[in-house]
């Protein structure tokens, strides 16, 4: 159930905004639903938050994430 997966990921991300497992699962779920633009937007917001917190770039690209 993709909607449940996304809700679970959102809950995790509300407590830990840079949880890599949650963002990977959320982006992949959206991508596999055909919501590619939404998946890219979610990923880009995550990357910006990751950079803000850690002051370094996220090690994966959107393409890396969706091709795994």
Protein backbone atom coordinates (compact mmCIF):
# COMPACT_ATOMS: atom_id res chain seq x y z
CA UNK A 1 0.00 0.00 0.00
CA UNK A 2 1.98 3.00 -1.25
CA UNK A 3 -0.09 5.56 0.66
CA UNK A 4 0.70 3.85 3.97
CA UNK A 5 4.39 3.68 3.11
CA UNK A 6 4.44 7.41 2.36
CA UNK A 7 2.61 8.21 5.62
CA UNK A 8 5.09 6.12 7.60
CA UNK A 9 8.01 7.84 5.88
CA UNK A 10 6.45 11.26 6.57
CA UNK A 11 6.09 10.35 10.24
CA UNK A 12 9.73 9.29 10.47
CA UNK A 13 10.85 12.43 8.65
CA UNK A 14 8.84 14.62 11.02
CA UNK A 15 11.07 13.35 13.84
CA UNK A 16 14.29 13.08 11.82
CA UNK A 17 14.23 15.30 8.75
CA UNK A 18 17.40 13.73 7.34
CA UNK A 19 16.56 10.02 7.78
CA UNK A 20 18.11 8.56 4.65
CA UNK A 21 16.15 5.31 4.69
CA UNK A 22 12.82 7.10 4.98
CA UNK A 23 13.58 9.52 2.16
CA UNK A 24 14.82 6.74 -0.12
CA UNK A 25 11.67 4.71 0.47
CA UNK A 26 9.38 7.73 0.04
CA UNK A 27 11.06 8.88 -3.17
CA UNK A 28 11.09 5.38 -4.64
CA UNK A 29 7.43 4.86 -3.75
CA UNK A 30 6.41 8.13 -5.40
CA UNK A 31 8.62 7.40 -8.40
CA UNK A 32 7.15 3.91 -8.84
CA UNK A 33 3.65 5.42 -8.70
CA UNK A 34 4.58 7.58 -11.67
CA UNK A 35 4.71 10.74 -9.55
CA UNK A 36 8.15 11.61 -10.83
CA UNK A 37 7.91 15.39 -10.43
CA UNK A 38 6.66 15.05 -6.87
CA UNK A 39 9.44 12.56 -6.12
CA UNK A 40 12.04 15.01 -7.51
CA UNK A 41 10.61 17.85 -5.46
CA UNK A 42 10.62 15.76 -2.26
CA UNK A 43 14.21 14.70 -2.98
CA UNK A 44 15.35 18.28 -3.68
CA UNK A 45 13.82 19.54 -0.43
CA UNK A 46 15.55 16.72 1.45
CA UNK A 47 18.90 17.51 -0.20
CA UNK A 48 18.57 21.17 0.83
CA UNK A 49 17.76 20.19 4.43
CA UNK A 50 20.67 17.71 4.47
CA UNK A 51 23.03 20.45 3.26
CA UNK A 52 21.67 22.90 5.85
CA UNK A 53 22.16 20.48 8.74
CA UNK A 54 25.41 18.75 7.77
CA UNK A 55 26.94 21.50 5.60
CA UNK A 56 27.85 18.93 2.98
CA UNK A 57 26.10 17.59 -0.10
CA UNK A 58 23.93 14.51 0.05
CA UNK A 59 26.03 11.68 -1.44
CA UNK A 60 23.36 10.39 -3.85
CA UNK A 61 21.66 11.98 -6.83
CA UNK A 62 18.01 11.53 -7.73
CA UNK A 63 19.10 9.21 -10.53
CA UNK A 64 21.23 7.15 -8.12
CA UNK A 65 18.29 6.80 -5.78
CA UNK A 66 15.72 5.82 -8.38
CA UNK A 67 17.92 3.38 -10.25
CA UNK A 68 18.74 1.23 -7.22
